[in-house]
Amino acid sequence: MNKELKELKLANARIGGKYIVVRVDGPALVKRRLLDMGIISGTKLEVVGVAPLGDPLHIKARGYDLTLRLDEASNIVVREISE
């Protein structure tokens, strides 16, 4: 299977990896919050780092920095890209 076609949760993504959002799942309020921040299907993002205790996750999306709790990031399904 092609590595670029494998889907995973953003909470399980590797630091330094670049991804494209496939879909946003989860409860309506969480989904609405993520969509309002611009995390929609097709959005390219990069995992910059993670806090020392593992939560939150630091990402770059749409030209800005964003931190997400792991429970929020687990609602975002992504696919790794090579660019």
PDB file of N, CA and C in Angstrom:
ATOM      1  N   MET A   1       0.838  -1.186   0.000  1.00  0.00           N
ATOM      2  CA  MET A   1       0.000   0.000   0.000  1.00  0.00           C
ATOM      3  C   MET A   1       0.878   1.242   0.000  1.00  0.00           C
ATOM      4  N   ASN A   2       0.492   2.231  -0.759  1.00  0.00           N
ATOM      5  CA  ASN A   2       1.242   3.483  -0.862  1.00  0.00           C
ATOM      6  C   ASN A   2       1.198   4.232   0.462  1.00  0.00           C
ATOM      7  N   LYS A   3       2.344   4.682   0.925  1.00  0.00           N
ATOM      8  CA  LYS A   3       2.434   5.382   2.210  1.00  0.00           C
ATOM      9  C   LYS A   3       1.555   6.627   2.236  1.00  0.00           C
ATOM     10  N   GLU A   4       1.439   7.329   1.102  1.00  0.00           N
ATOM     11  CA  GLU A   4       0.671   8.564   1.057  1.00  0.00           C
ATOM     12  C   GLU A   4      -0.831   8.334   1.183  1.00  0.00           C
ATOM     13  N   LEU A   5      -1.294   7.112   0.986  1.00  0.00           N
ATOM     14  CA  LEU A   5      -2.719   6.841   1.058  1.00  0.00           C
ATOM     15  C   LEU A   5      -3.174   6.397   2.442  1.00  0.00           C
ATOM     16  N   LYS A   6      -2.243   6.165   3.352  1.00  0.00           N
ATOM     17  CA  LYS A   6      -2.584   5.699   4.689  1.00  0.00           C
ATOM     18  C   LYS A   6      -3.164   6.852   5.513  1.00  0.00           C
ATOM     19  N   GLU A   7      -4.339   6.622   6.063  1.00  0.00           N
ATOM     20  CA  GLU A   7      -4.988   7.629   6.907  1.00  0.00           C
ATOM     21  C   GLU A   7      -4.667   7.353   8.371  1.00  0.00           C
ATOM     22  N   LEU A   8      -4.517   8.418   9.138  1.00  0.00           N
ATOM     23  CA  LEU A   8      -4.297   8.284  10.564  1.00  0.00           C
ATOM     24  C   LEU A   8      -4.879   9.494  11.277  1.00  0.00           C
ATOM     25  N   LYS A   9      -4.996   9.375  12.575  1.00  0.00           N
ATOM     26  CA  LYS A   9      -5.473  10.488  13.394  1.00  0.00           C
ATOM     27  C   LYS A   9      -4.320  11.462  13.607  1.00  0.00           C
ATOM     28  N   LEU A  10      -4.608  12.734  13.592  1.00  0.00           N
ATOM     29  CA  LEU A  10      -3.568  13.746  13.798  1.00  0.00           C
ATOM     30  C   LEU A  10      -2.864  13.549  15.134  1.00  0.00           C
ATOM     31  N   ALA A  11      -3.564  13.049  16.132  1.00  0.00           N
ATOM     32  CA  ALA A  11      -2.959  12.803  17.446  1.00  0.00           C
ATOM     33  C   ALA A  11      -1.828  11.781  17.367  1.00  0.00           C
ATOM     34  N   ASN A  12      -1.813  10.935  16.331  1.00  0.00           N
ATOM     35  CA  ASN A  12      -0.786   9.907  16.157  1.00  0.00           C
ATOM     36  C   ASN A  12       0.270  10.298  15.129  1.00  0.00           C
ATOM     37  N   ALA A  13       0.206  11.519  14.629  1.00  0.00           N
ATOM     38  CA  ALA A  13       1.139  11.963  13.597  1.00  0.00           C
ATOM     39  C   ALA A  13       2.528  12.203  14.182  1.00  0.00           C
ATOM     40  N   ARG A  14       3.526  12.095  13.309  1.00  0.00           N
ATOM     41  CA  ARG A  14       4.900  12.282  13.768  1.00  0.00           C
ATOM     42  C   ARG A  14       5.303  13.746  13.685  1.00  0.00           C
ATOM     43  N   ILE A  15       6.174  14.150  14.588  1.00  0.00           N
ATOM     44  CA  ILE A  15       6.692  15.514  14.601  1.00  0.00           C
ATOM     45  C   ILE A  15       7.515  15.733  13.340  1.00  0.00           C
ATOM     46  N   GLY A  16       7.296  16.857  12.695  1.00  0.00           N
ATOM     47  CA  GLY A  16       7.990  17.184  11.455  1.00  0.00           C
ATOM     48  C   GLY A  16       7.266  16.702  10.216  1.00  0.00           C
ATOM     49  N   GLY A  17       6.214  15.910  10.412  1.00  0.00           N
ATOM     50  CA  GLY A  17       5.465  15.393   9.270  1.00  0.00           C
ATOM     51  C   GLY A  17       4.527  16.430   8.687  1.00  0.00           C
ATOM     52  N   LYS A  18       4.288  16.301   7.378  1.00  0.00           N
ATOM     53  CA  LYS A  18       3.349  17.182   6.693  1.00  0.00           C
ATOM     54  C   LYS A  18       2.161  16.332   6.256  1.00  0.00           C
ATOM     55  N   TYR A  19       0.984  16.875   6.447  1.00  0.00           N
ATOM     56  CA  TYR A  19      -0.243  16.121   6.254  1.00  0.00           C
ATOM     57  C   TYR A  19      -1.292  16.959   5.546  1.00  0.00           C
ATOM     58  N   ILE A  20      -2.287  16.270   5.013  1.00  0.00           N
ATOM     59  CA  ILE A  20      -3.461  16.925   4.458  1.00  0.00           C
ATOM     60  C   ILE A  20      -4.678  16.361   5.183  1.00  0.00           C
ATOM     61  N   VAL A  21      -5.592  17.234   5.534  1.00  0.00           N
ATOM     62  CA  VAL A  21      -6.781  16.816   6.275  1.00  0.00           C
ATOM     63  C   VAL A  21      -7.730  16.078   5.333  1.00  0.00           C
ATOM     64  N   VAL A  22      -8.123  14.875   5.737  1.00  0.00           N
ATOM     65  CA  VAL A  22      -9.076  14.076   4.978  1.00  0.00           C
ATOM     66  C   VAL A  22     -10.492  14.414   5.431  1.00  0.00           C
ATOM     67  N   ARG A  23     -10.692  14.431   6.751  1.00  0.00           N
ATOM     68  CA  ARG A  23     -12.008  14.775   7.300  1.00  0.00           C
ATOM     69  C   ARG A  23     -11.861  15.112   8.778  1.00  0.00           C
ATOM     70  N   VAL A  24     -12.893  15.757   9.299  1.00  0.00           N
ATOM     71  CA  VAL A  24     -12.962  16.077  10.723  1.00  0.00           C
ATOM     72  C   VAL A  24     -14.162  15.341  11.291  1.00  0.00           C
ATOM     73  N   ASP A  25     -13.919  14.513  12.297  1.00  0.00           N
ATOM     74  CA  ASP A  25     -14.968  13.740  12.954  1.00  0.00           C
ATOM     75  C   ASP A  25     -15.229  14.329  14.336  1.00  0.00           C
ATOM     76  N   GLY A  26     -16.065  13.643  15.100  1.00  0.00           N
ATOM     77  CA  GLY A  26     -16.251  13.993  16.496  1.00  0.00           C
ATOM     78  C   GLY A  26     -17.569  14.660  16.802  1.00  0.00           C
ATOM     79  N   PRO A  27     -17.738  15.014  18.079  1.00  0.00           N
ATOM     80  CA  PRO A  27     -18.961  15.683  18.522  1.00  0.00           C
ATOM     81  C   PRO A  27     -19.147  17.027  17.790  1.00  0.00           C
ATOM     82  N   ALA A  28     -20.381  17.424  17.636  1.00  0.00           N
ATOM     83  CA  ALA A  28     -20.704  18.628  16.870  1.00  0.00           C
ATOM     84  C   ALA A  28     -19.957  19.869  17.356  1.00  0.00           C
ATOM     85  N   LEU A  29     -19.866  20.080  18.664  1.00  0.00           N
ATOM     86  CA  LEU A  29     -19.198  21.283  19.177  1.00  0.00           C
ATOM     87  C   LEU A  29     -17.708  21.289  18.872  1.00  0.00           C
ATOM     88  N   VAL A  30     -17.069  20.152  19.015  1.00  0.00           N
ATOM     89  CA  VAL A  30     -15.641  20.058  18.722  1.00  0.00           C
ATOM     90  C   VAL A  30     -15.406  20.226  17.224  1.00  0.00           C
ATOM     91  N   LYS A  31     -16.214  19.559  16.438  1.00  0.00           N
ATOM     92  CA  LYS A  31     -16.095  19.651  14.989  1.00  0.00           C
ATOM     93  C   LYS A  31     -16.280  21.094  14.527  1.00  0.00           C
ATOM     94  N   ARG A  32     -17.272  21.777  15.053  1.00  0.00           N
ATOM     95  CA  ARG A  32     -17.538  23.176  14.686  1.00  0.00           C
ATOM     96  C   ARG A  32     -16.346  24.057  15.042  1.00  0.00           C
ATOM     97  N   ARG A  33     -15.762  23.836  16.213  1.00  0.00           N
ATOM     98  CA  ARG A  33     -14.609  24.629  16.648  1.00  0.00           C
ATOM     99  C   ARG A  33     -13.429  24.431  15.707  1.00  0.00           C
ATOM    100  N   LEU A  34     -13.149  23.190  15.332  1.00  0.00           N
ATOM    101  CA  LEU A  34     -12.042  22.901  14.423  1.00  0.00           C
ATOM    102  C   LEU A  34     -12.301  23.488  13.038  1.00  0.00           C
ATOM    103  N   LEU A  35     -13.518  23.357  12.553  1.00  0.00           N
ATOM    104  CA  LEU A  35     -13.867  23.924  11.256  1.00  0.00           C
ATOM    105  C   LEU A  35     -13.753  25.443  11.279  1.00  0.00           C
ATOM    106  N   ASP A  36     -14.161  26.073  12.370  1.00  0.00           N
ATOM    107  CA  ASP A  36     -14.047  27.526  12.511  1.00  0.00           C
ATOM    108  C   ASP A  36     -12.594  27.993  12.504  1.00  0.00           C
ATOM    109  N   MET A  37     -11.688  27.126  12.953  1.00  0.00           N
ATOM    110  CA  MET A  37     -10.254  27.464  12.942  1.00  0.00           C
ATOM    111  C   MET A  37      -9.628  27.209  11.575  1.00  0.00           C
ATOM    112  N   GLY A  38     -10.407  26.726  10.625  1.00  0.00           N
ATOM    113  CA  GLY A  38      -9.890  26.490   9.285  1.00  0.00           C
ATOM    114  C   GLY A  38      -9.381  25.094   9.046  1.00  0.00           C
ATOM    115  N   ILE A  39      -9.600  24.196   9.987  1.00  0.00           N
ATOM    116  CA  ILE A  39      -9.186  22.803   9.813  1.00  0.00           C
ATOM    117  C   ILE A  39     -10.306  22.080   9.079  1.00  0.00           C
ATOM    118  N   ILE A  40     -10.259  22.137   7.744  1.00  0.00           N
ATOM    119  CA  ILE A  40     -11.277  21.517   6.907  1.00  0.00           C
ATOM    120  C   ILE A  40     -10.601  20.554   5.936  1.00  0.00           C
ATOM    121  N   SER A  41     -11.379  19.727   5.280  1.00  0.00           N
ATOM    122  CA  SER A  41     -10.837  18.787   4.298  1.00  0.00           C
ATOM    123  C   SER A  41      -9.992  19.533   3.279  1.00  0.00           C
ATOM    124  N   GLY A  42      -8.813  18.989   2.998  1.00  0.00           N
ATOM    125  CA  GLY A  42      -7.914  19.597   2.027  1.00  0.00           C
ATOM    126  C   GLY A  42      -6.890  20.546   2.615  1.00  0.00           C
ATOM    127  N   THR A  43      -7.025  20.889   3.884  1.00  0.00           N
ATOM    128  CA  THR A  43      -6.071  21.784   4.530  1.00  0.00           C
ATOM    129  C   THR A  43      -4.738  21.078   4.725  1.00  0.00           C
ATOM    130  N   LYS A  44      -3.651  21.730   4.319  1.00  0.00           N
ATOM    131  CA  LYS A  44      -2.315  21.185   4.544  1.00  0.00           C
ATOM    132  C   LYS A  44      -1.834  21.686   5.894  1.00  0.00           C
ATOM    133  N   LEU A  45      -1.205  20.795   6.646  1.00  0.00           N
ATOM    134  CA  LEU A  45      -0.671  21.189   7.936  1.00  0.00           C
ATOM    135  C   LEU A  45       0.620  20.453   8.237  1.00  0.00           C
ATOM    136  N   GLU A  46       1.373  21.005   9.163  1.00  0.00           N
ATOM    137  CA  GLU A  46       2.643  20.418   9.587  1.00  0.00           C
ATOM    138  C   GLU A  46       2.647  20.292  11.098  1.00  0.00           C
ATOM    139  N   VAL A  47       3.086  19.150  11.600  1.00  0.00           N
ATOM    140  CA  VAL A  47       3.207  18.946  13.039  1.00  0.00           C
ATOM    141  C   VAL A  47       4.576  19.499  13.449  1.00  0.00           C
ATOM    142  N   VAL A  48       4.560  20.563  14.235  1.00  0.00           N
ATOM    143  CA  VAL A  48       5.788  21.248  14.632  1.00  0.00           C
ATOM    144  C   VAL A  48       6.391  20.622  15.878  1.00  0.00           C
ATOM    145  N   GLY A  49       5.554  20.286  16.832  1.00  0.00           N
ATOM    146  CA  GLY A  49       6.071  19.713  18.067  1.00  0.00           C
ATOM    147  C   GLY A  49       4.953  19.336  19.011  1.00  0.00           C
ATOM    148  N   VAL A  50       5.380  18.889  20.174  1.00  0.00           N
ATOM    149  CA  VAL A  50       4.430  18.492  21.206  1.00  0.00           C
ATOM    150  C   VAL A  50       4.993  18.971  22.537  1.00  0.00           C
ATOM    151  N   ALA A  51       4.129  19.328  23.456  1.00  0.00           N
ATOM    152  CA  ALA A  51       4.563  19.790  24.770  1.00  0.00           C
ATOM    153  C   ALA A  51       5.298  18.669  25.508  1.00  0.00           C
ATOM    154  N   PRO A  52       6.141  19.014  26.471  1.00  0.00           N
ATOM    155  CA  PRO A  52       6.944  18.016  27.186  1.00  0.00           C
ATOM    156  C   PRO A  52       6.146  16.857  27.786  1.00  0.00           C
ATOM    157  N   LEU A  53       4.942  17.099  28.225  1.00  0.00           N
ATOM    158  CA  LEU A  53       4.144  16.027  28.806  1.00  0.00           C
ATOM    159  C   LEU A  53       3.239  15.342  27.780  1.00  0.00           C
ATOM    160  N   GLY A  54       3.423  15.685  26.491  1.00  0.00           N
ATOM    161  CA  GLY A  54       2.686  15.022  25.431  1.00  0.00           C
ATOM    162  C   GLY A  54       1.398  15.686  25.004  1.00  0.00           C
ATOM    163  N   ASP A  55       1.013  16.762  25.615  1.00  0.00           N
ATOM    164  CA  ASP A  55      -0.241  17.433  25.291  1.00  0.00           C
ATOM    165  C   ASP A  55      -0.097  18.901  25.644  1.00  0.00           C
ATOM    166  N   PRO A  56      -0.320  19.856  24.784  1.00  0.00           N
ATOM    167  CA  PRO A  56      -0.955  19.812  23.478  1.00  0.00           C
ATOM    168  C   PRO A  56       0.032  19.597  22.328  1.00  0.00           C
ATOM    169  N   LEU A  57      -0.547  19.508  21.140  1.00  0.00           N
ATOM    170  CA  LEU A  57       0.180  19.314  19.896  1.00  0.00           C
ATOM    171  C   LEU A  57       0.293  20.672  19.204  1.00  0.00           C
ATOM    172  N   HIS A  58       1.476  21.008  18.707  1.00  0.00           N
ATOM    173  CA  HIS A  58       1.707  22.281  18.021  1.00  0.00           C
ATOM    174  C   HIS A  58       1.748  22.009  16.521  1.00  0.00           C
ATOM    175  N   ILE A  59       0.854  22.671  15.772  1.00  0.00           N
ATOM    176  CA  ILE A  59       0.822  22.502  14.320  1.00  0.00           C
ATOM    177  C   ILE A  59       0.860  23.858  13.632  1.00  0.00           C
ATOM    178  N   LYS A  60       1.206  23.832  12.345  1.00  0.00           N
ATOM    179  CA  LYS A  60       1.096  25.008  11.478  1.00  0.00           C
ATOM    180  C   LYS A  60       0.070  24.664  10.415  1.00  0.00           C
ATOM    181  N   ALA A  61      -0.908  25.542  10.260  1.00  0.00           N
ATOM    182  CA  ALA A  61      -1.948  25.345   9.254  1.00  0.00           C
ATOM    183  C   ALA A  61      -2.376  26.700   8.723  1.00  0.00           C
ATOM    184  N   ARG A  62      -2.506  26.797   7.414  1.00  0.00           N
ATOM    185  CA  ARG A  62      -2.984  28.032   6.776  1.00  0.00           C
ATOM    186  C   ARG A  62      -2.139  29.256   7.150  1.00  0.00           C
ATOM    187  N   GLY A  63      -0.840  29.034   7.377  1.00  0.00           N
ATOM    188  CA  GLY A  63       0.063  30.145   7.660  1.00  0.00           C
ATOM    189  C   GLY A  63       0.083  30.620   9.103  1.00  0.00           C
ATOM    190  N   TYR A  64      -0.546  29.903  10.006  1.00  0.00           N
ATOM    191  CA  TYR A  64      -0.500  30.309  11.410  1.00  0.00           C
ATOM    192  C   TYR A  64      -0.220  29.113  12.307  1.00  0.00           C
ATOM    193  N   ASP A  65       0.253  29.408  13.507  1.00  0.00           N
ATOM    194  CA  ASP A  65       0.533  28.378  14.506  1.00  0.00           C
ATOM    195  C   ASP A  65      -0.724  28.109  15.314  1.00  0.00           C
ATOM    196  N   LEU A  66      -0.893  26.852  15.669  1.00  0.00           N
ATOM    197  CA  LEU A  66      -2.084  26.425  16.390  1.00  0.00           C
ATOM    198  C   LEU A  66      -1.698  25.313  17.348  1.00  0.00           C
ATOM    199  N   THR A  67      -2.261  25.329  18.522  1.00  0.00           N
ATOM    200  CA  THR A  67      -2.064  24.215  19.446  1.00  0.00           C
ATOM    201  C   THR A  67      -3.413  23.545  19.676  1.00  0.00           C
ATOM    202  N   LEU A  68      -3.381  22.229  19.635  1.00  0.00           N
ATOM    203  CA  LEU A  68      -4.590  21.425  19.825  1.00  0.00           C
ATOM    204  C   LEU A  68      -4.359  20.394  20.908  1.00  0.00           C
ATOM    205  N   ARG A  69      -5.342  20.203  21.754  1.00  0.00           N
ATOM    206  CA  ARG A  69      -5.263  19.103  22.716  1.00  0.00           C
ATOM    207  C   ARG A  69      -5.342  17.794  21.944  1.00  0.00           C
ATOM    208  N   LEU A  70      -4.745  16.760  22.501  1.00  0.00           N
ATOM    209  CA  LEU A  70      -4.739  15.465  21.813  1.00  0.00           C
ATOM    210  C   LEU A  70      -6.149  14.930  21.593  1.00  0.00           C
ATOM    211  N   ASP A  71      -7.062  15.190  22.519  1.00  0.00           N
ATOM    212  CA  ASP A  71      -8.433  14.712  22.313  1.00  0.00           C
ATOM    213  C   ASP A  71      -9.093  15.425  21.129  1.00  0.00           C
ATOM    214  N   GLU A  72      -8.727  16.680  20.879  1.00  0.00           N
ATOM    215  CA  GLU A  72      -9.225  17.384  19.698  1.00  0.00           C
ATOM    216  C   GLU A  72      -8.550  16.842  18.437  1.00  0.00           C
ATOM    217  N   ALA A  73      -7.236  16.649  18.517  1.00  0.00           N
ATOM    218  CA  ALA A  73      -6.472  16.159  17.363  1.00  0.00           C
ATOM    219  C   ALA A  73      -6.901  14.747  16.956  1.00  0.00           C
ATOM    220  N   SER A  74      -7.429  13.992  17.884  1.00  0.00           N
ATOM    221  CA  SER A  74      -7.871  12.631  17.552  1.00  0.00           C
ATOM    222  C   SER A  74      -9.142  12.632  16.705  1.00  0.00           C
ATOM    223  N   ASN A  75      -9.778  13.790  16.557  1.00  0.00           N
ATOM    224  CA  ASN A  75     -10.965  13.914  15.705  1.00  0.00           C
ATOM    225  C   ASN A  75     -10.607  14.288  14.269  1.00  0.00           C
ATOM    226  N   ILE A  76      -9.326  14.537  14.007  1.00  0.00           N
ATOM    227  CA  ILE A  76      -8.881  14.967  12.684  1.00  0.00           C
ATOM    228  C   ILE A  76      -8.182  13.802  11.992  1.00  0.00           C
ATOM    229  N   VAL A  77      -8.748  13.381  10.874  1.00  0.00           N
ATOM    230  CA  VAL A  77      -8.160  12.290  10.091  1.00  0.00           C
ATOM    231  C   VAL A  77      -7.316  12.922   8.995  1.00  0.00           C
ATOM    232  N   VAL A  78      -6.040  12.516   8.918  1.00  0.00           N
ATOM    233  CA  VAL A  78      -5.107  13.104   7.957  1.00  0.00           C
ATOM    234  C   VAL A  78      -4.435  12.017   7.130  1.00  0.00           C
ATOM    235  N   ARG A  79      -3.781  12.459   6.068  1.00  0.00           N
ATOM    236  CA  ARG A  79      -2.969  11.582   5.218  1.00  0.00           C
ATOM    237  C   ARG A  79      -1.628  12.287   5.032  1.00  0.00           C
ATOM    238  N   GLU A  80      -0.544  11.561   5.212  1.00  0.00           N
ATOM    239  CA  GLU A  80       0.781  12.160   5.087  1.00  0.00           C
ATOM    240  C   GLU A  80       1.068  12.484   3.620  1.00  0.00           C
ATOM    241  N   ILE A  81       1.716  13.624   3.413  1.00  0.00           N
ATOM    242  CA  ILE A  81       2.122  14.042   2.074  1.00  0.00           C
ATOM    243  C   ILE A  81       3.623  14.253   2.060  1.00  0.00           C
ATOM    244  N   SER A  82       4.203  14.289   0.877  1.00  0.00           N
ATOM    245  CA  SER A  82       5.650  14.356   0.776  1.00  0.00           C
ATOM    246  C   SER A  82       6.187  15.752   0.552  1.00  0.00           C
ATOM    247  N   GLU A  83       5.346  16.736   0.349  1.00  0.00           N
ATOM    248  CA  GLU A  83       5.846  18.089   0.069  1.00  0.00           C
ATOM    249  C   GLU A  83       6.184  18.866   1.297  1.00  0.00           C
TER     250      GLU A  83
END
